[in-house]
N, C-alpha and C. Protein backbone atom coordinates (compact mmCIF):
# COMPACT_ATOMS: atom_id res chain seq x y z
N MET A 1 77.74 108.85 94.55
CA MET A 1 78.26 109.07 93.06
C MET A 1 78.28 110.26 92.30
N TYR A 2 79.66 110.78 91.20
CA TYR A 2 79.82 112.38 91.12
C TYR A 2 78.71 112.44 89.86
N GLY A 3 78.51 113.54 90.10
CA GLY A 3 77.37 113.89 88.79
C GLY A 3 78.01 114.16 87.54
N ASN A 4 77.90 114.82 86.46
CA ASN A 4 78.17 115.32 85.22
C ASN A 4 78.38 116.33 85.16
N LEU A 5 79.67 117.14 83.82
CA LEU A 5 79.58 118.15 83.96
C LEU A 5 79.52 118.00 81.60
N TYR A 6 78.33 118.70 82.14
CA TYR A 6 78.31 118.72 80.18
C TYR A 6 78.81 119.98 79.44
N LEU A 7 79.13 119.74 78.50
CA LEU A 7 79.33 120.72 77.91
C LEU A 7 78.95 121.57 76.84
N ILE A 8 77.92 122.14 76.95
CA ILE A 8 76.69 122.67 76.37
C ILE A 8 77.04 123.69 75.41
N PRO A 9 76.96 124.07 74.06
CA PRO A 9 76.73 124.86 73.22
C PRO A 9 75.65 125.88 73.21
N THR A 10 76.46 126.87 72.83
CA THR A 10 75.25 128.44 72.60
C THR A 10 75.36 128.72 71.19
N LEU A 11 74.67 129.49 71.25
CA LEU A 11 74.02 130.39 69.76
C LEU A 11 75.42 130.85 69.55
N LEU A 12 75.98 131.27 68.44
CA LEU A 12 76.98 132.21 67.53
C LEU A 12 76.14 133.65 67.51
N GLY A 13 75.01 133.60 68.01
CA GLY A 13 73.88 135.34 67.65
C GLY A 13 72.90 135.04 67.31
N ASP A 14 71.91 136.01 67.18
CA ASP A 14 70.44 136.11 67.54
C ASP A 14 69.56 135.14 66.34
N SER A 15 69.76 134.24 66.71
CA SER A 15 69.38 132.96 65.98
C SER A 15 68.15 131.99 66.50
N LEU A 16 67.59 131.34 65.97
CA LEU A 16 66.27 130.39 66.74
C LEU A 16 67.03 129.47 66.76
N PRO A 17 67.08 128.97 68.16
CA PRO A 17 67.87 127.27 69.15
C PRO A 17 67.65 126.34 68.48
N GLN A 18 66.51 126.26 67.88
CA GLN A 18 66.16 125.19 67.28
C GLN A 18 66.07 125.12 65.97
N ASP A 19 67.12 126.07 65.47
CA ASP A 19 67.18 125.87 64.10
C ASP A 19 68.72 125.78 64.03
N VAL A 20 69.84 125.68 64.96
CA VAL A 20 71.56 125.21 64.64
C VAL A 20 71.62 124.26 66.17
N LEU A 21 71.43 124.39 67.29
CA LEU A 21 71.11 123.44 68.02
C LEU A 21 70.59 122.06 68.09
N PRO A 22 71.15 120.71 68.10
CA PRO A 22 70.11 119.38 68.63
C PRO A 22 69.27 119.43 69.65
N GLY A 23 68.28 118.34 69.21
CA GLY A 23 67.39 117.50 70.49
C GLY A 23 68.55 117.66 72.22
N SER A 24 69.37 116.68 71.85
CA SER A 24 70.26 116.39 73.27
C SER A 24 70.55 118.26 74.13
N VAL A 25 70.68 118.70 73.48
CA VAL A 25 71.56 119.99 74.12
C VAL A 25 69.52 120.43 75.12
N PHE A 26 68.56 120.34 74.04
CA PHE A 26 67.29 121.00 75.48
C PHE A 26 66.85 119.85 76.19
N ARG A 27 67.12 118.50 75.63
CA ARG A 27 66.82 117.75 76.87
C ARG A 27 68.16 117.41 78.35
N ILE A 28 69.04 118.24 77.86
CA ILE A 28 70.35 118.34 79.05
C ILE A 28 69.72 119.44 79.86
N ILE A 29 69.71 120.76 79.25
CA ILE A 29 69.09 121.90 79.48
C ILE A 29 67.85 121.92 80.22
N ASN A 30 67.15 121.03 80.03
CA ASN A 30 65.65 121.62 81.06
C ASN A 30 65.77 120.49 82.30
N ARG A 31 66.66 119.68 82.38
CA ARG A 31 66.44 119.42 83.87
C ARG A 31 68.39 120.11 84.92
N LEU A 32 69.05 120.42 84.52
CA LEU A 32 70.36 121.55 85.13
C LEU A 32 69.73 122.31 86.14
N ASP A 33 70.32 121.95 87.20
CA ASP A 33 70.42 123.30 88.73
C ASP A 33 71.60 124.44 88.32
N TYR A 34 72.50 123.67 88.11
CA TYR A 34 73.91 124.17 88.33
C TYR A 34 74.79 124.51 87.09
N TYR A 35 74.79 125.75 86.53
CA TYR A 35 75.93 126.22 85.30
C TYR A 35 77.05 126.96 85.82
N ILE A 36 78.23 126.88 84.83
CA ILE A 36 79.50 127.59 84.89
C ILE A 36 79.19 128.28 83.32
N ALA A 37 79.35 129.59 83.64
CA ALA A 37 79.37 129.85 82.35
C ALA A 37 79.97 131.55 82.23
N GLU A 38 80.34 131.87 81.24
CA GLU A 38 81.74 132.73 80.74
C GLU A 38 81.16 134.38 81.35
N GLU A 39 79.46 134.53 81.17
CA GLU A 39 78.81 136.14 81.91
C GLU A 39 77.36 135.14 82.42
N VAL A 40 77.62 135.70 83.38
CA VAL A 40 75.72 134.99 83.53
C VAL A 40 74.71 135.69 83.13
N ARG A 41 74.59 137.09 82.57
CA ARG A 41 73.89 137.54 82.39
C ARG A 41 73.17 136.97 80.68
N SER A 42 73.84 136.72 80.26
CA SER A 42 73.73 136.43 78.69
C SER A 42 73.57 134.48 78.79
N ALA A 43 73.93 134.02 79.67
CA ALA A 43 73.98 132.43 80.07
C ALA A 43 72.52 132.52 80.59
N ARG A 44 71.50 133.75 81.44
CA ARG A 44 70.23 133.67 81.38
C ARG A 44 69.54 133.75 80.23
N ARG A 45 69.63 134.86 79.10
CA ARG A 45 69.19 134.61 78.23
C ARG A 45 69.35 134.01 77.19
N PHE A 46 70.00 132.84 77.16
CA PHE A 46 70.16 131.57 76.50
C PHE A 46 69.57 131.04 77.00
N LEU A 47 69.42 130.54 78.40
CA LEU A 47 68.42 129.35 79.42
C LEU A 47 66.81 129.60 78.91
N LYS A 48 66.78 131.13 78.89
CA LYS A 48 65.26 131.20 78.48
C LYS A 48 64.77 131.10 77.20
N LYS A 49 65.80 132.01 76.26
CA LYS A 49 65.08 131.61 74.91
C LYS A 49 65.41 130.43 74.26
N ALA A 50 66.16 129.25 74.80
CA ALA A 50 66.08 128.27 74.62
C ALA A 50 65.32 126.99 75.45
N GLY A 51 63.73 127.76 76.41
CA GLY A 51 62.44 127.33 76.78
C GLY A 51 63.02 126.43 77.59
N SER A 52 64.06 126.68 78.61
CA SER A 52 64.41 125.80 79.87
C SER A 52 63.22 126.08 80.74
N PRO A 53 62.63 125.17 81.54
CA PRO A 53 61.84 125.53 82.21
C PRO A 53 61.91 126.02 83.24
N MET A 54 63.13 125.42 83.80
CA MET A 54 63.38 125.80 85.25
C MET A 54 63.78 127.36 85.65
N LYS A 55 62.81 127.65 86.99
CA LYS A 55 63.09 129.24 87.05
C LYS A 55 64.17 129.60 87.05
N ILE A 56 64.68 130.98 86.90
CA ILE A 56 66.06 131.57 86.69
C ILE A 56 66.10 131.60 88.35
N ASP A 57 65.64 131.86 88.61
CA ASP A 57 65.97 132.45 90.29
C ASP A 57 66.53 131.03 91.17
N ASP A 58 65.84 129.91 90.69
CA ASP A 58 66.25 128.30 91.19
C ASP A 58 67.82 128.11 90.47
N ILE A 59 68.30 128.82 89.24
CA ILE A 59 69.30 128.04 88.53
C ILE A 59 70.57 128.86 89.90
N THR A 60 71.32 127.74 89.94
CA THR A 60 72.87 128.10 90.63
C THR A 60 73.83 128.78 89.78
N PHE A 61 74.29 129.65 89.17
CA PHE A 61 75.23 130.25 88.84
C PHE A 61 76.45 130.27 88.75
N PHE A 62 77.95 129.88 88.12
CA PHE A 62 79.11 130.24 88.71
C PHE A 62 79.86 130.74 87.82
N GLN A 63 80.49 132.29 87.34
CA GLN A 63 81.11 132.79 86.48
C GLN A 63 82.44 132.73 85.97
N LEU A 64 82.93 132.27 85.28
CA LEU A 64 83.91 132.00 84.92
C LEU A 64 84.62 132.40 83.96
N ASP A 65 85.45 133.58 84.06
CA ASP A 65 86.29 134.58 83.16
C ASP A 65 87.32 134.90 83.19
N LYS A 66 88.42 135.52 82.42
CA LYS A 66 89.60 134.97 82.79
C LYS A 66 90.52 135.98 84.04
N TYR A 67 88.95 136.83 85.07
CA TYR A 67 89.60 137.20 86.18
C TYR A 67 89.19 135.74 87.58
N THR A 68 88.88 134.49 86.55
CA THR A 68 88.28 133.88 88.07
C THR A 68 89.71 133.37 88.29
N GLY A 69 90.15 133.41 89.49
CA GLY A 69 90.91 132.90 90.61
C GLY A 69 91.25 131.41 90.55
N GLU A 70 92.26 130.55 90.51
CA GLU A 70 91.88 129.10 90.84
C GLU A 70 91.20 128.83 92.17
N ASP A 71 91.72 129.64 93.37
CA ASP A 71 90.74 129.37 95.08
C ASP A 71 89.25 128.91 94.55
N GLU A 72 88.78 130.17 94.02
CA GLU A 72 87.50 130.10 93.70
C GLU A 72 86.99 129.30 92.65
N LEU A 73 87.77 128.70 91.76
CA LEU A 73 87.45 127.54 90.44
C LEU A 73 87.23 126.39 91.19
N ALA A 74 87.71 125.89 92.48
CA ALA A 74 87.80 124.77 92.76
C ALA A 74 86.56 124.54 92.95
N GLY A 75 85.34 125.88 93.62
CA GLY A 75 84.26 125.70 94.54
C GLY A 75 83.48 125.15 93.02
N PHE A 76 83.97 125.64 92.08
CA PHE A 76 82.69 125.81 91.47
C PHE A 76 82.15 124.22 90.80
N LEU A 77 82.87 123.01 91.22
CA LEU A 77 82.96 121.82 90.69
C LEU A 77 82.31 120.42 92.09
N ASP A 78 81.93 121.43 93.54
CA ASP A 78 80.92 121.11 94.22
C ASP A 78 79.86 120.42 94.43
N PRO A 79 79.39 121.28 93.68
CA PRO A 79 77.59 120.30 93.26
C PRO A 79 78.16 118.66 92.74
N ALA A 80 78.75 118.73 91.74
CA ALA A 80 79.28 117.50 91.08
C ALA A 80 79.58 116.44 91.87
N ILE A 81 80.68 116.83 92.88
CA ILE A 81 80.81 116.06 93.57
C ILE A 81 79.60 115.58 94.75
N SER A 82 78.80 116.38 95.06
CA SER A 82 78.02 115.82 95.77
C SER A 82 76.76 115.17 95.04
N GLY A 83 77.06 115.08 93.64
CA GLY A 83 76.32 113.82 93.12
C GLY A 83 75.12 114.90 92.19
N HIS A 84 75.45 116.50 91.90
CA HIS A 84 74.81 116.82 90.65
C HIS A 84 75.04 117.38 89.56
N ASP A 85 74.66 117.37 87.99
CA ASP A 85 75.03 117.48 87.33
C ASP A 85 75.43 118.80 86.89
N ILE A 86 75.94 119.42 86.31
CA ILE A 86 76.15 121.01 85.50
C ILE A 86 76.73 120.90 84.48
N GLY A 87 76.15 121.88 83.90
CA GLY A 87 76.44 122.53 82.48
C GLY A 87 77.41 123.15 82.39
N LEU A 88 78.36 123.57 81.74
CA LEU A 88 79.15 124.60 80.92
C LEU A 88 78.87 125.31 79.93
N LEU A 89 78.61 126.36 79.74
CA LEU A 89 78.30 127.59 78.88
C LEU A 89 78.98 128.37 78.05
N SER A 90 79.88 128.52 77.15
CA SER A 90 80.60 129.35 76.71
C SER A 90 79.64 130.50 76.59
N GLU A 91 79.99 131.87 75.89
CA GLU A 91 79.71 133.18 75.54
C GLU A 91 79.41 132.80 74.36
N ALA A 92 79.58 131.96 73.39
CA ALA A 92 79.19 132.23 72.30
C ALA A 92 79.94 130.76 71.14
N GLY A 93 79.04 129.93 70.95
CA GLY A 93 79.42 128.40 70.29
C GLY A 93 79.93 127.52 71.48
N LEU A 94 80.81 126.64 71.47
CA LEU A 94 81.32 125.61 71.45
C LEU A 94 82.44 126.01 73.09
N PRO A 95 81.99 125.39 74.28
CA PRO A 95 82.79 125.50 75.51
C PRO A 95 84.32 125.28 75.19
N CYS A 96 84.90 125.58 75.90
CA CYS A 96 86.28 125.06 75.90
C CYS A 96 87.24 125.57 74.79
N VAL A 97 86.31 126.01 73.09
CA VAL A 97 87.26 126.58 72.59
C VAL A 97 87.67 127.94 72.05
N ALA A 98 88.94 128.32 72.11
CA ALA A 98 88.75 129.59 72.10
C ALA A 98 88.08 130.15 73.22
N ASP A 99 87.69 129.80 74.46
CA ASP A 99 86.99 130.29 75.63
C ASP A 99 87.93 129.55 77.20
N PRO A 100 87.31 130.30 78.21
CA PRO A 100 88.09 129.88 79.64
C PRO A 100 87.71 128.02 79.84
N GLY A 101 86.25 127.82 79.00
CA GLY A 101 86.19 126.83 80.27
C GLY A 101 87.01 125.68 80.20
N ALA A 102 88.52 125.71 79.63
CA ALA A 102 89.41 124.85 79.35
C ALA A 102 89.48 124.51 80.85
N LYS A 103 90.00 125.51 81.50
CA LYS A 103 90.45 125.34 83.22
C LYS A 103 89.56 124.57 83.79
N ILE A 104 88.38 124.98 84.29
CA ILE A 104 86.85 123.62 84.72
C ILE A 104 87.17 122.61 84.21
N THR A 105 87.29 122.41 82.86
CA THR A 105 87.35 121.06 82.39
C THR A 105 88.74 119.98 82.90
N ILE A 106 89.43 120.53 82.83
CA ILE A 106 90.88 120.11 82.96
C ILE A 106 90.66 119.45 84.57
N MET A 107 90.12 120.49 85.45
CA MET A 107 89.88 120.45 86.84
C MET A 107 89.03 119.29 87.13
N ALA A 108 87.68 118.85 86.50
CA ALA A 108 87.19 117.67 86.39
C ALA A 108 87.32 116.70 86.03
N HIS A 109 88.44 116.40 85.34
CA HIS A 109 89.38 115.39 85.09
C HIS A 109 90.09 114.86 85.82
N ARG A 110 90.27 115.58 86.54
CA ARG A 110 91.49 115.45 87.71
C ARG A 110 90.85 114.72 88.93
N ARG A 111 89.50 115.44 89.02
CA ARG A 111 88.76 115.01 90.33
C ARG A 111 87.62 114.10 90.27
N GLY A 112 88.02 113.10 88.70
CA GLY A 112 86.88 112.02 88.24
C GLY A 112 85.67 112.67 88.04
N ILE A 113 85.10 113.42 87.24
CA ILE A 113 84.36 113.97 87.28
C ILE A 113 83.99 113.36 85.47
N ARG A 114 83.51 113.02 85.91
CA ARG A 114 82.75 112.59 83.84
C ARG A 114 82.27 114.19 83.26
N VAL A 115 83.43 114.51 81.82
CA VAL A 115 83.45 115.59 81.06
C VAL A 115 82.40 114.75 79.87
N ILE A 116 81.19 115.27 79.50
CA ILE A 116 80.50 115.05 78.18
C ILE A 116 80.14 115.91 77.23
N PRO A 117 80.62 116.23 76.27
CA PRO A 117 81.14 117.23 75.35
C PRO A 117 79.47 116.83 74.50
N LEU A 118 78.88 118.08 73.90
CA LEU A 118 77.27 117.93 73.34
C LEU A 118 77.74 118.85 72.01
N SER A 119 76.81 118.37 70.56
CA SER A 119 77.16 118.59 69.86
C SER A 119 76.96 120.05 69.65
N GLY A 120 77.32 121.26 68.18
CA GLY A 120 76.34 122.10 68.39
C GLY A 120 77.64 123.55 67.77
N PRO A 121 77.21 124.49 67.31
CA PRO A 121 78.22 125.09 66.56
C PRO A 121 79.22 125.47 66.42
N SER A 122 80.01 125.27 65.69
CA SER A 122 81.20 126.32 66.09
C SER A 122 81.97 126.91 65.39
N SER A 123 81.97 128.42 64.94
CA SER A 123 82.77 129.52 64.33
C SER A 123 83.39 128.83 63.12
N ILE A 124 84.60 128.36 64.66
CA ILE A 124 85.66 127.75 63.70
C ILE A 124 85.81 126.28 62.79
N MET A 125 84.78 125.32 62.93
CA MET A 125 84.27 124.23 62.13
C MET A 125 83.91 124.94 61.11
N LEU A 126 82.30 125.91 61.21
CA LEU A 126 82.14 125.89 59.89
C LEU A 126 82.52 126.85 59.04
N ALA A 127 83.73 127.77 59.66
CA ALA A 127 83.86 128.47 58.33
C ALA A 127 84.96 127.68 57.96
N LEU A 128 85.88 126.86 58.54
CA LEU A 128 86.69 126.01 57.73
C LEU A 128 85.91 125.16 56.84
N MET A 129 84.86 124.26 57.40
CA MET A 129 83.79 123.47 56.15
C MET A 129 83.44 124.02 55.28
N ALA A 130 83.02 125.23 55.15
CA ALA A 130 82.68 126.37 53.67
C ALA A 130 83.61 127.40 53.10
N SER A 131 85.01 127.00 53.70
CA SER A 131 86.03 127.26 52.85
C SER A 131 86.73 127.42 51.91
N GLY A 132 86.30 125.70 51.54
CA GLY A 132 87.31 124.88 50.42
C GLY A 132 88.60 124.86 50.70
N LEU A 133 88.66 125.62 51.35
CA LEU A 133 90.64 125.34 51.73
C LEU A 133 90.43 124.17 52.41
N ASN A 134 91.86 123.72 53.22
CA ASN A 134 92.44 122.59 53.80
C ASN A 134 91.78 121.95 55.08
N GLY A 135 91.06 121.30 54.61
CA GLY A 135 90.12 120.97 56.06
C GLY A 135 90.99 118.98 56.58
N GLN A 136 92.32 119.29 56.54
CA GLN A 136 93.06 117.76 56.88
C GLN A 136 94.03 118.39 57.41
N VAL A 137 94.66 119.76 56.78
CA VAL A 137 95.71 120.08 58.08
C VAL A 137 95.48 121.67 57.97
N PHE A 138 95.30 121.86 59.44
CA PHE A 138 94.74 123.24 59.90
C PHE A 138 95.73 123.59 61.34
N ALA A 139 95.47 124.94 61.76
CA ALA A 139 95.78 125.31 62.80
C ALA A 139 94.74 126.70 63.03
N PHE A 140 94.72 126.64 64.08
CA PHE A 140 93.59 128.14 64.97
C PHE A 140 95.19 128.10 65.82
N HIS A 141 95.02 129.63 65.34
CA HIS A 141 95.55 130.89 66.59
C HIS A 141 94.64 132.11 67.16
N GLY A 142 93.69 131.65 67.29
CA GLY A 142 92.76 132.79 68.05
C GLY A 142 93.02 133.97 68.14
N TYR A 143 93.58 134.99 68.78
CA TYR A 143 93.60 136.46 68.18
C TYR A 143 94.93 136.74 67.91
N LEU A 144 95.53 138.04 66.49
CA LEU A 144 96.88 138.39 66.34
C LEU A 144 96.93 139.20 67.15
N PRO A 145 98.59 139.48 67.19
CA PRO A 145 98.84 141.10 67.49
C PRO A 145 98.01 142.51 67.16
N VAL A 146 97.84 142.85 68.34
CA VAL A 146 97.08 144.58 68.12
C VAL A 146 97.79 145.27 66.96
N LYS A 147 99.14 145.52 67.81
CA LYS A 147 99.86 146.24 66.99
C LYS A 147 99.82 145.95 65.59
N GLU A 148 100.25 146.96 64.67
CA GLU A 148 100.53 146.74 63.37
C GLU A 148 101.83 146.19 63.08
N ASN A 149 102.54 146.42 63.13
CA ASN A 149 103.62 146.37 62.41
C ASN A 149 104.08 144.24 63.54
N GLU A 150 103.51 144.35 64.37
CA GLU A 150 103.13 142.85 64.85
C GLU A 150 102.30 141.89 64.07
N ARG A 151 101.53 142.45 63.71
CA ARG A 151 100.32 141.42 63.02
C ARG A 151 100.81 141.83 61.72
N ILE A 152 101.40 142.28 60.75
CA ILE A 152 101.96 142.09 60.08
C ILE A 152 103.10 141.06 59.78
N LYS A 153 103.49 141.25 60.76
CA LYS A 153 105.03 139.98 61.05
C LYS A 153 104.05 138.72 61.02
N ALA A 154 103.47 138.41 61.80
CA ALA A 154 102.44 137.16 62.86
C ALA A 154 101.70 136.93 61.65
N LEU A 155 101.08 137.88 59.82
CA LEU A 155 100.49 137.09 59.26
C LEU A 155 101.44 136.78 58.21
N LYS A 156 102.70 137.29 57.98
CA LYS A 156 103.69 137.07 57.06
C LYS A 156 104.29 135.30 57.39
N ASN A 157 104.54 135.09 58.98
CA ASN A 157 104.75 134.14 58.77
C ASN A 157 103.86 132.81 59.09
N LEU A 158 102.84 132.84 59.18
CA LEU A 158 101.02 132.35 59.10
C LEU A 158 101.65 131.69 57.39
N GLU A 159 101.50 132.61 56.91
CA GLU A 159 101.67 132.50 55.32
C GLU A 159 102.57 131.76 54.41
N LEU A 160 103.77 131.84 55.54
CA LEU A 160 104.91 130.98 54.92
C LEU A 160 104.33 129.96 55.74
N GLU A 161 104.24 129.77 57.26
CA GLU A 161 104.07 128.13 57.48
C GLU A 161 103.08 127.44 56.69
N SER A 162 101.61 127.87 56.03
CA SER A 162 100.90 127.45 55.81
C SER A 162 101.65 127.14 54.13
N SER A 163 102.22 128.32 53.41
CA SER A 163 103.15 127.68 52.06
C SER A 163 103.58 126.28 52.44
N LEU A 164 104.61 125.93 53.64
CA LEU A 164 105.93 125.16 53.48
C LEU A 164 104.37 123.54 54.37
N LYS A 165 103.83 123.96 54.53
CA LYS A 165 103.00 123.06 54.94
C LYS A 165 101.61 122.56 54.43
N GLY A 166 100.77 122.94 54.28
CA GLY A 166 100.04 123.15 52.49
C GLY A 166 98.99 123.56 54.32
N GLN A 167 99.17 123.94 54.98
CA GLN A 167 97.85 123.88 56.09
C GLN A 167 97.00 125.19 56.30
N SER A 168 96.14 125.32 56.30
CA SER A 168 94.72 126.46 56.52
C SER A 168 95.11 126.90 57.60
N GLN A 169 95.57 128.14 57.96
CA GLN A 169 95.79 129.03 59.03
C GLN A 169 94.08 129.61 59.54
N ILE A 170 93.46 129.41 60.62
CA ILE A 170 92.44 129.73 60.95
C ILE A 170 92.96 131.01 62.12
N PHE A 171 92.53 132.18 62.32
CA PHE A 171 92.60 133.12 63.32
C PHE A 171 90.98 134.02 63.20
N MET A 172 90.85 135.11 64.32
CA MET A 172 89.54 136.02 64.63
C MET A 172 90.16 136.72 64.83
N GLU A 173 88.86 137.95 64.88
CA GLU A 173 89.59 139.33 65.08
C GLU A 173 88.31 139.64 65.91
N THR A 174 88.66 140.86 67.50
CA THR A 174 87.02 141.80 67.94
C THR A 174 86.55 142.01 66.45
N PRO A 175 85.36 141.84 66.59
CA PRO A 175 84.46 142.43 65.88
C PRO A 175 85.07 143.93 65.61
N TYR A 176 85.20 145.04 66.29
CA TYR A 176 84.95 146.33 65.94
C TYR A 176 86.50 146.42 65.03
N ARG A 177 87.36 145.02 65.35
CA ARG A 177 88.95 145.54 64.96
C ARG A 177 88.63 144.62 63.27
N ASN A 178 87.66 144.39 62.53
CA ASN A 178 87.64 143.46 61.60
C ASN A 178 88.70 143.85 60.12
N CYS A 179 88.03 145.57 60.17
CA CYS A 179 88.56 146.33 59.06
C CYS A 179 89.70 146.59 58.90
N ARG A 180 90.55 146.99 59.79
CA ARG A 180 91.96 147.01 60.37
C ARG A 180 92.63 145.49 60.18
N MET A 181 92.05 144.23 60.59
CA MET A 181 92.61 143.01 60.12
C MET A 181 92.70 142.91 58.44
N PHE A 182 90.86 143.86 58.26
CA PHE A 182 91.62 143.61 56.18
C PHE A 182 92.40 144.16 55.65
N ASP A 183 92.48 144.95 55.85
CA ASP A 183 93.57 146.29 55.09
C ASP A 183 94.86 145.39 55.64
N THR A 184 95.32 144.88 56.98
CA THR A 184 96.45 144.29 57.49
C THR A 184 96.46 143.28 56.44
N LEU A 185 95.61 142.62 55.83
CA LEU A 185 95.67 141.40 55.23
C LEU A 185 95.83 141.38 53.65
N MET A 186 95.75 142.66 53.23
CA MET A 186 95.81 143.47 52.11
C MET A 186 97.16 143.99 51.81
N ILE A 187 98.00 144.14 53.11
CA ILE A 187 99.33 145.18 52.61
C ILE A 187 100.22 144.03 52.84
N ALA A 188 100.21 142.50 54.02
CA ALA A 188 100.98 141.40 54.71
C ALA A 188 100.97 140.51 53.60
N CYS A 189 99.56 139.72 52.56
CA CYS A 189 100.00 138.44 52.29
C CYS A 189 100.25 138.51 50.60
N ARG A 190 100.67 137.84 50.26
CA ARG A 190 100.71 137.71 48.64
C ARG A 190 99.50 137.63 47.89
N GLN A 191 99.49 138.72 46.79
CA GLN A 191 98.31 137.98 45.72
C GLN A 191 97.42 137.38 45.83
N SER A 192 98.26 136.24 45.56
CA SER A 192 98.01 134.88 45.09
C SER A 192 97.45 134.05 46.25
N THR A 193 97.68 134.50 47.62
CA THR A 193 96.80 133.72 48.62
C THR A 193 95.92 133.94 48.80
N LEU A 194 95.19 132.48 49.22
CA LEU A 194 93.52 132.49 49.51
C LEU A 194 93.19 133.25 50.68
N LEU A 195 92.07 133.65 51.07
CA LEU A 195 91.79 134.39 52.46
C LEU A 195 89.97 134.09 52.32
N CYS A 196 89.84 133.31 53.20
CA CYS A 196 88.62 132.61 53.77
C CYS A 196 87.39 133.81 54.57
N ILE A 197 86.97 134.68 54.29
CA ILE A 197 86.47 135.29 55.47
C ILE A 197 84.71 135.07 55.67
N ALA A 198 84.63 134.57 56.77
CA ALA A 198 82.99 133.68 56.67
C ALA A 198 82.74 134.66 58.27
N CYS A 199 81.78 135.30 58.30
CA CYS A 199 81.15 136.32 59.43
C CYS A 199 79.62 136.14 59.52
N ASP A 200 79.13 136.21 60.97
CA ASP A 200 77.56 136.23 60.84
C ASP A 200 77.01 134.46 61.07
N LEU A 201 78.12 133.65 60.64
CA LEU A 201 77.27 132.59 60.67
C LEU A 201 76.71 131.33 61.42
N THR A 202 75.49 130.99 60.87
CA THR A 202 74.26 130.48 61.35
C THR A 202 73.49 131.94 61.34
N LEU A 203 73.78 133.13 61.23
CA LEU A 203 72.56 134.02 61.04
C LEU A 203 72.13 133.95 60.14
N GLU A 204 70.72 135.29 59.57
CA GLU A 204 70.42 135.40 58.53
C GLU A 204 71.06 136.42 57.11
N SER A 205 71.96 137.13 57.85
CA SER A 205 73.07 137.65 57.45
C SER A 205 74.44 137.24 57.12
N GLU A 206 74.80 135.48 57.15
CA GLU A 206 75.75 134.99 57.12
C GLU A 206 76.37 135.29 55.50
N PHE A 207 77.58 135.39 55.90
CA PHE A 207 78.38 135.84 54.75
C PHE A 207 79.58 135.02 54.81
N ILE A 208 80.26 134.12 53.83
CA ILE A 208 81.25 133.60 53.58
C ILE A 208 81.66 133.28 52.55
N SER A 209 83.06 133.48 52.14
CA SER A 209 83.91 133.87 50.71
C SER A 209 85.00 133.53 50.72
N THR A 210 85.86 132.71 49.67
CA THR A 210 86.68 132.76 49.82
C THR A 210 87.43 133.30 48.53
N LYS A 211 88.36 133.93 48.36
CA LYS A 211 89.16 134.57 46.97
C LYS A 211 90.17 135.00 46.73
N THR A 212 91.39 135.05 46.38
CA THR A 212 92.53 135.54 46.42
C THR A 212 93.00 137.06 46.94
N ILE A 213 94.16 137.44 47.37
CA ILE A 213 93.98 138.81 47.98
C ILE A 213 93.94 139.95 47.01
N ASP A 214 94.29 139.65 46.02
CA ASP A 214 93.79 140.03 44.47
C ASP A 214 92.45 140.13 44.26
N GLN A 215 91.88 139.76 44.74
CA GLN A 215 90.48 139.60 44.36
C GLN A 215 89.60 140.74 45.29
N TRP A 216 90.28 140.41 46.60
CA TRP A 216 89.68 140.99 48.08
C TRP A 216 89.86 142.29 47.66
N LYS A 217 90.92 142.88 47.34
CA LYS A 217 91.68 144.14 46.94
C LYS A 217 90.24 144.83 46.34
N LYS A 218 89.82 144.02 45.46
CA LYS A 218 89.04 144.46 44.47
C LYS A 218 87.29 144.76 44.58
N ASN A 219 86.95 144.43 46.21
CA ASN A 219 85.38 143.77 46.51
C ASN A 219 85.81 144.42 47.99
N LYS A 220 86.01 144.75 49.06
CA LYS A 220 86.05 144.77 49.88
C LYS A 220 84.65 144.41 50.78
N PRO A 221 84.12 143.06 51.61
CA PRO A 221 83.25 143.41 52.09
C PRO A 221 83.38 144.15 53.73
N ASP A 222 81.61 145.00 54.31
CA ASP A 222 81.48 145.32 55.26
C ASP A 222 81.58 144.34 56.53
N LEU A 223 82.25 144.53 56.91
CA LEU A 223 82.86 143.73 58.49
C LEU A 223 83.05 143.76 59.28
N HIS A 224 82.45 145.44 59.46
CA HIS A 224 82.52 145.79 61.02
C HIS A 224 81.19 145.84 61.59
N LYS A 225 81.66 145.17 63.23
CA LYS A 225 81.02 144.93 64.15
C LYS A 225 80.13 143.67 63.57
N ARG A 226 80.90 142.64 62.90
CA ARG A 226 80.25 141.31 62.47
C ARG A 226 81.65 139.85 63.00
N PRO A 227 80.66 139.64 63.76
CA PRO A 227 82.14 138.29 64.10
C PRO A 227 82.41 137.17 63.07
N ALA A 228 83.56 136.95 63.02
CA ALA A 228 84.11 136.79 61.81
C ALA A 228 84.74 136.02 61.90
N ILE A 229 85.61 135.16 61.33
CA ILE A 229 86.42 134.05 61.05
C ILE A 229 87.50 134.17 59.55
N PHE A 230 88.36 134.17 60.37
CA PHE A 230 89.57 134.57 58.83
C PHE A 230 90.45 133.02 58.59
N ILE A 231 90.56 132.44 57.55
CA ILE A 231 91.32 131.66 56.94
C ILE A 231 92.25 132.18 56.11
N LEU A 232 93.15 131.31 56.42
CA LEU A 232 94.48 131.85 54.50
C LEU A 232 94.88 130.46 54.27
N GLN A 233 95.36 130.38 53.13
CA GLN A 233 96.15 129.73 52.40
C GLN A 233 97.11 129.89 51.74
N SER A 234 97.69 129.75 51.91
CA SER A 234 99.28 130.30 50.55
C SER A 234 99.46 128.99 49.71
């Protein structure tokens, strides 16, 4: 009988695991010997912080990132074929959402391995919940272009799509480029467009606020190197 692939949520930052993770997560990690992780060192730190009783040196880790080849990936599920359960860990938040874990998950489905998602924090969903913007119709776009002219064009397109569909547009940025993204939003978007900025979610320094572009121009927040989600609605 095949083992299961558990999709295990991790922390969004330096918070206490018991404050943001449900009991089901602890029950599963307390007994797993195999993990697939985006970054093995941070996976080890997470398991230690979450109180896993397993000896770290006795756990087998497979690293799945954007450089992992298809041939290497196939072997990651061999323990499940042999009857062992495997945990899939994201670098932060939920596996497979803005995360390379989807590659191994679709492979598990193809090989007849049961995939079991566990509840936990998602910066995308937490930001949308708290934004006051449309939670019925929304789209997540990941990272927008880095080049200024392309980013302006992308934001104008998102604003137009939001206006036509009544759709909340969700995107993110690398923390050290947050301030540049904010400045571009102030240039690209209409004064009346609503923008939610949510950063440091689940941490003591959590900040969530929704204002018009015109209002944001009068009160620029400190976003430098703070993990953030941006949501706009026109």
